[in-house]
Protein backbone atom coordinates (compact mmCIF):
# COMPACT_ATOMS: atom_id res chain seq x y z
CA MET A 1 0.00 0.00 0.00
CA GLY A 2 1.51 3.35 -0.99
CA ARG A 3 2.11 6.06 1.53
CA GLY A 4 0.05 9.23 1.27
CA PRO A 5 0.65 12.75 2.61
CA ALA A 6 -0.18 13.07 6.30
CA HIS A 7 0.78 15.37 9.19
CA PRO A 8 4.06 17.28 8.59
CA GLY A 9 5.88 15.34 11.29
CA ASP A 10 4.59 12.03 9.91
CA ARG A 11 5.57 13.00 6.37
CA LEU A 12 9.17 13.30 7.39
CA GLY A 13 9.10 10.19 9.52
CA LEU A 14 10.56 12.29 12.34
CA PRO A 15 9.07 14.53 15.04
CA GLY A 16 8.78 18.26 14.48
CA ASP A 17 11.01 19.94 11.95
CA GLN A 18 13.97 17.58 12.14
CA PRO A 19 15.61 16.75 8.81
CA ALA A 20 14.53 13.61 7.02
CA PRO A 21 16.81 10.57 7.10
CA CYS A 22 19.33 9.91 4.35
CA ARG A 23 18.36 7.67 1.47
CA GLN A 24 20.90 5.61 -0.43
CA GLY A 25 23.72 7.39 1.42
CA ARG A 26 22.78 10.88 0.21
CA CYS A 27 22.30 13.34 3.06
CA GLY A 28 21.29 16.96 3.15
CA LEU A 29 21.80 19.53 0.44
CA GLY A 30 24.23 18.75 -2.33
CA ALA A 31 27.42 20.72 -2.78
CA ALA A 32 28.69 21.50 -6.25
CA ARG A 33 32.24 20.30 -6.61
CA SER A 34 34.79 22.23 -8.62
CA GLY A 35 38.53 21.66 -8.52
CA GLY A 36 38.13 19.31 -5.56
CA SER A 37 36.44 21.87 -3.29
CA LEU A 38 32.84 21.98 -2.14
CA THR A 39 31.03 25.15 -3.18
CA LEU A 40 27.33 25.92 -3.65
CA ARG A 41 24.63 23.72 -2.14
CA ALA A 42 22.09 22.49 -4.68
CA LEU A 43 18.69 20.83 -4.44
CA GLY A 44 17.15 19.39 -7.59
CA ILE A 45 13.42 19.82 -8.18
CA VAL A 46 12.41 17.06 -10.60
CA GLY A 47 9.25 15.49 -11.97
CA ARG A 48 7.29 14.73 -15.10
CA SER A 49 6.27 17.59 -17.38
CA GLY A 50 3.30 19.44 -15.90
CA SER A 51 3.93 18.33 -12.31
CA GLY A 52 4.42 21.95 -11.20
CA LYS A 53 8.18 22.31 -10.74
CA THR A 54 8.37 25.97 -11.75
CA THR A 55 5.26 26.84 -9.74
CA LEU A 56 6.69 25.17 -6.63
CA ILE A 57 10.00 27.03 -6.95
CA GLU A 58 8.09 30.28 -7.41
CA GLN A 59 6.17 29.58 -4.19
CA LEU A 60 9.23 28.45 -2.24
CA LEU A 61 11.47 31.43 -3.01
CA PRO A 62 9.71 34.09 -0.89
CA ARG A 63 9.31 31.65 2.01
CA LEU A 64 12.96 30.61 1.98
CA ARG A 65 14.05 34.25 1.73
CA ALA A 66 11.81 35.07 4.70
CA ARG A 67 13.83 32.51 6.67
CA GLY A 68 16.99 34.46 5.88
CA LEU A 69 18.26 32.14 3.13
CA ARG A 70 19.86 33.56 0.01
CA VAL A 71 18.58 31.46 -2.89
CA SER A 72 19.49 31.28 -6.57
CA THR A 73 17.97 29.09 -9.28
CA VAL A 74 19.15 27.20 -12.35
CA LYS A 75 16.66 26.28 -15.08
CA HIS A 76 17.47 23.90 -17.93
CA THR A 77 15.35 24.01 -21.07
CA HIS A 78 15.27 21.90 -24.21
CA HIS A 79 14.07 24.88 -26.24
CA ALA A 80 16.41 27.04 -28.30
CA VAL A 81 16.51 30.15 -26.12
CA ASP A 82 18.36 33.31 -27.13
CA LEU A 83 18.35 36.32 -24.81
CA ASP A 84 20.00 38.45 -27.48
CA LEU A 85 18.53 40.05 -30.62
CA PRO A 86 20.02 39.95 -34.12
CA GLY A 87 21.41 43.33 -35.11
CA LYS A 88 22.11 44.45 -31.53
CA ASP A 89 25.72 45.26 -30.67
CA SER A 90 26.08 42.33 -28.27
CA HIS A 91 24.69 39.94 -30.88
CA ARG A 92 27.19 41.28 -33.40
CA HIS A 93 29.99 40.57 -30.90
CA ARG A 94 28.87 36.95 -30.67
CA ALA A 95 28.44 36.57 -34.42
CA ALA A 96 31.96 37.89 -34.93
CA GLY A 97 33.38 35.14 -32.73
CA ALA A 98 33.49 36.41 -29.13
CA GLU A 99 34.02 33.50 -26.72
CA GLU A 100 31.73 35.14 -24.16
CA VAL A 101 29.70 38.34 -24.17
CA LEU A 102 28.90 40.13 -20.92
CA LEU A 103 25.79 42.24 -21.53
CA VAL A 104 25.53 44.94 -18.86
CA SER A 105 22.91 47.55 -17.98
CA ASP A 106 22.45 49.70 -14.89
CA ARG A 107 19.97 47.21 -13.41
CA ARG A 108 21.22 43.76 -14.43
CA TRP A 109 23.79 41.86 -16.44
CA ALA A 110 23.87 38.59 -18.34
CA LEU A 111 26.77 36.44 -19.47
CA LEU A 112 26.22 34.79 -22.86
CA ARG A 113 28.36 31.86 -23.96
CA GLU A 114 27.96 29.63 -26.99
CA THR A 115 28.19 25.86 -26.39
CA PRO A 116 28.09 24.38 -29.90
CA ASP A 117 30.27 21.36 -29.14
CA ALA A 118 28.75 20.09 -25.88
CA PRO A 119 26.16 21.29 -23.36
CA ALA A 120 27.51 22.95 -20.24
CA ASP A 121 27.69 20.62 -17.22
CA LEU A 122 25.82 21.59 -14.09
CA PRO A 123 28.77 21.61 -11.61
CA SER A 124 30.69 24.10 -13.74
CA LEU A 125 27.58 26.27 -14.08
CA LEU A 126 27.03 26.25 -10.33
CA HIS A 127 30.65 27.27 -9.86
CA ARG A 128 29.91 30.45 -11.84
CA LEU A 129 27.15 31.57 -9.47
CA ALA A 130 27.74 34.04 -6.65
CA PRO A 131 27.83 32.45 -3.16
CA VAL A 132 24.36 31.78 -1.75
CA ASP A 133 22.86 29.44 0.85
CA LEU A 134 20.93 27.32 -1.64
CA VAL A 135 20.50 26.79 -5.37
CA LEU A 136 17.22 25.28 -6.58
CA VAL A 137 17.82 23.41 -9.83
CA GLU A 138 15.04 22.63 -12.30
CA GLY A 139 15.33 20.63 -15.49
CA PHE A 140 18.63 18.79 -14.86
CA GLY A 141 18.38 15.05 -14.24
CA ALA A 142 21.81 14.74 -12.64
CA VAL A 143 22.19 17.20 -9.76
CA PRO A 144 25.26 16.97 -7.46
CA GLY A 145 23.12 16.28 -4.41
CA PRO A 146 19.58 15.26 -3.45
CA ARG A 147 16.47 15.69 -5.54
CA LEU A 148 12.84 16.26 -4.58
CA GLU A 149 10.45 14.60 -7.03
CA LEU A 150 6.99 16.08 -7.59
CA ILE A 151 4.17 13.67 -8.33
CA ARG A 152 0.82 15.13 -9.32
CA GLY A 153 -1.85 12.44 -9.61
CA GLU A 154 -3.66 13.93 -12.58
CA ILE A 155 -0.43 14.24 -14.59
CA ALA A 156 0.83 10.80 -13.60
CA LEU A 157 -2.39 9.10 -14.65
CA ARG A 158 -2.57 10.98 -17.93
CA ALA A 159 1.07 10.39 -18.83
CA GLY A 160 0.97 6.72 -17.89
CA LYS A 161 4.61 6.89 -16.84
CA ARG A 162 6.02 5.60 -13.59
CA PRO A 163 7.72 8.00 -11.14
CA LEU A 164 11.35 8.91 -11.67
CA PHE A 165 12.49 7.51 -8.31
CA HIS A 166 12.27 3.97 -9.68
CA ASP A 167 15.36 4.70 -11.79
CA ASP A 168 17.01 7.45 -9.74
CA PRO A 169 18.40 6.49 -6.30
CA GLY A 170 19.42 10.13 -5.75
CA ILE A 171 15.82 11.20 -5.16
CA SER A 172 15.62 11.89 -1.43
CA ALA A 173 11.93 12.73 -0.96
CA LEU A 174 8.63 13.07 -2.80
CA ALA A 175 6.05 15.83 -2.83
CA ALA A 176 2.79 14.26 -3.97
CA ASP A 177 -0.97 14.75 -3.90
CA VAL A 178 -1.75 11.03 -4.15
CA PRO A 179 -0.50 7.87 -2.41
CA VAL A 180 2.69 6.57 -4.02
CA PRO A 181 3.23 2.78 -4.13
CA ASP A 182 6.73 1.37 -3.71
CA TRP A 183 8.13 4.51 -2.06
CA HIS A 184 9.62 4.12 1.42
CA GLY A 185 11.26 7.50 1.99
CA PRO A 186 9.91 10.87 3.15
CA ILE A 187 6.76 12.08 1.40
CA LEU A 188 5.41 15.63 1.58
CA ASP A 189 2.03 17.06 0.65
CA LEU A 190 2.50 18.71 -2.73
CA ASN A 191 -0.08 21.34 -1.83
CA ASP A 192 1.48 22.21 1.55
CA ILE A 193 4.16 24.67 0.46
CA GLU A 194 5.08 25.63 4.01
CA ALA A 195 5.78 22.00 4.96
CA ILE A 196 8.02 21.61 1.89
CA CYS A 197 9.83 24.81 2.86
CA VAL A 198 10.32 23.51 6.41
CA TRP A 199 11.75 20.25 5.05
CA ILE A 200 14.21 22.07 2.79
CA ALA A 201 15.29 24.51 5.49
CA ALA A 202 15.81 21.67 7.99
CA LEU A 203 18.08 19.62 5.75
CA PRO A 204 21.58 19.35 7.20
CA HIS A 205 24.54 21.03 5.61
CA PRO A 206 26.18 18.94 2.90
CA VAL A 207 28.63 16.21 3.61
CA ALA A 208 31.50 15.38 1.28
CA HIS A 209 30.32 12.82 -1.23
CA ALA A 210 31.42 11.85 -4.71
CA PRO A 211 29.85 13.79 -7.58
CA LEU A 212 27.33 12.00 -9.75
CA SER A 213 28.67 10.22 -12.79
């Protein structure tokens, strides 16, 4: 019989706001590794298309910031996205062969880099971010640390695909709105954003573990 969302303490399998137990040897928030040193902590938000990953991150950000956490995000897309416009000076720099273009205004800046030979790997991208307490990662399957899988019953039934955790031992917890058979780790109520925020904030600091292959 699958486990369903219950009281916050029961969801975590622990009393109060204590962090959930490790699963498959992966504890706490992941730390991006670059040059042998641990840097930014990362938590992957994963799930089937339509499960609400972006919406959850949007809801978590103000709550995590209210707890005093500095949070950045990384979003991977399969679409051909270009933040630049043909004919603009920065686009002309790129077309002429610039390795990177740093586009700067008084309010924000963006670093543009072409990757025609191979996609950028997540650890190196995390290494480029400014220091923060947590990075929420959406769209990458392999995150150097734990992952929270979202399971929305309506989407799961329509897609007819089994949850990702069956093939991904790095998934540390689920956030679901239906009972989930064959899952024996922590399960959170997908619609209880505050409980998910509490779970994330209570995770221990990262321990040194090997990066994902």
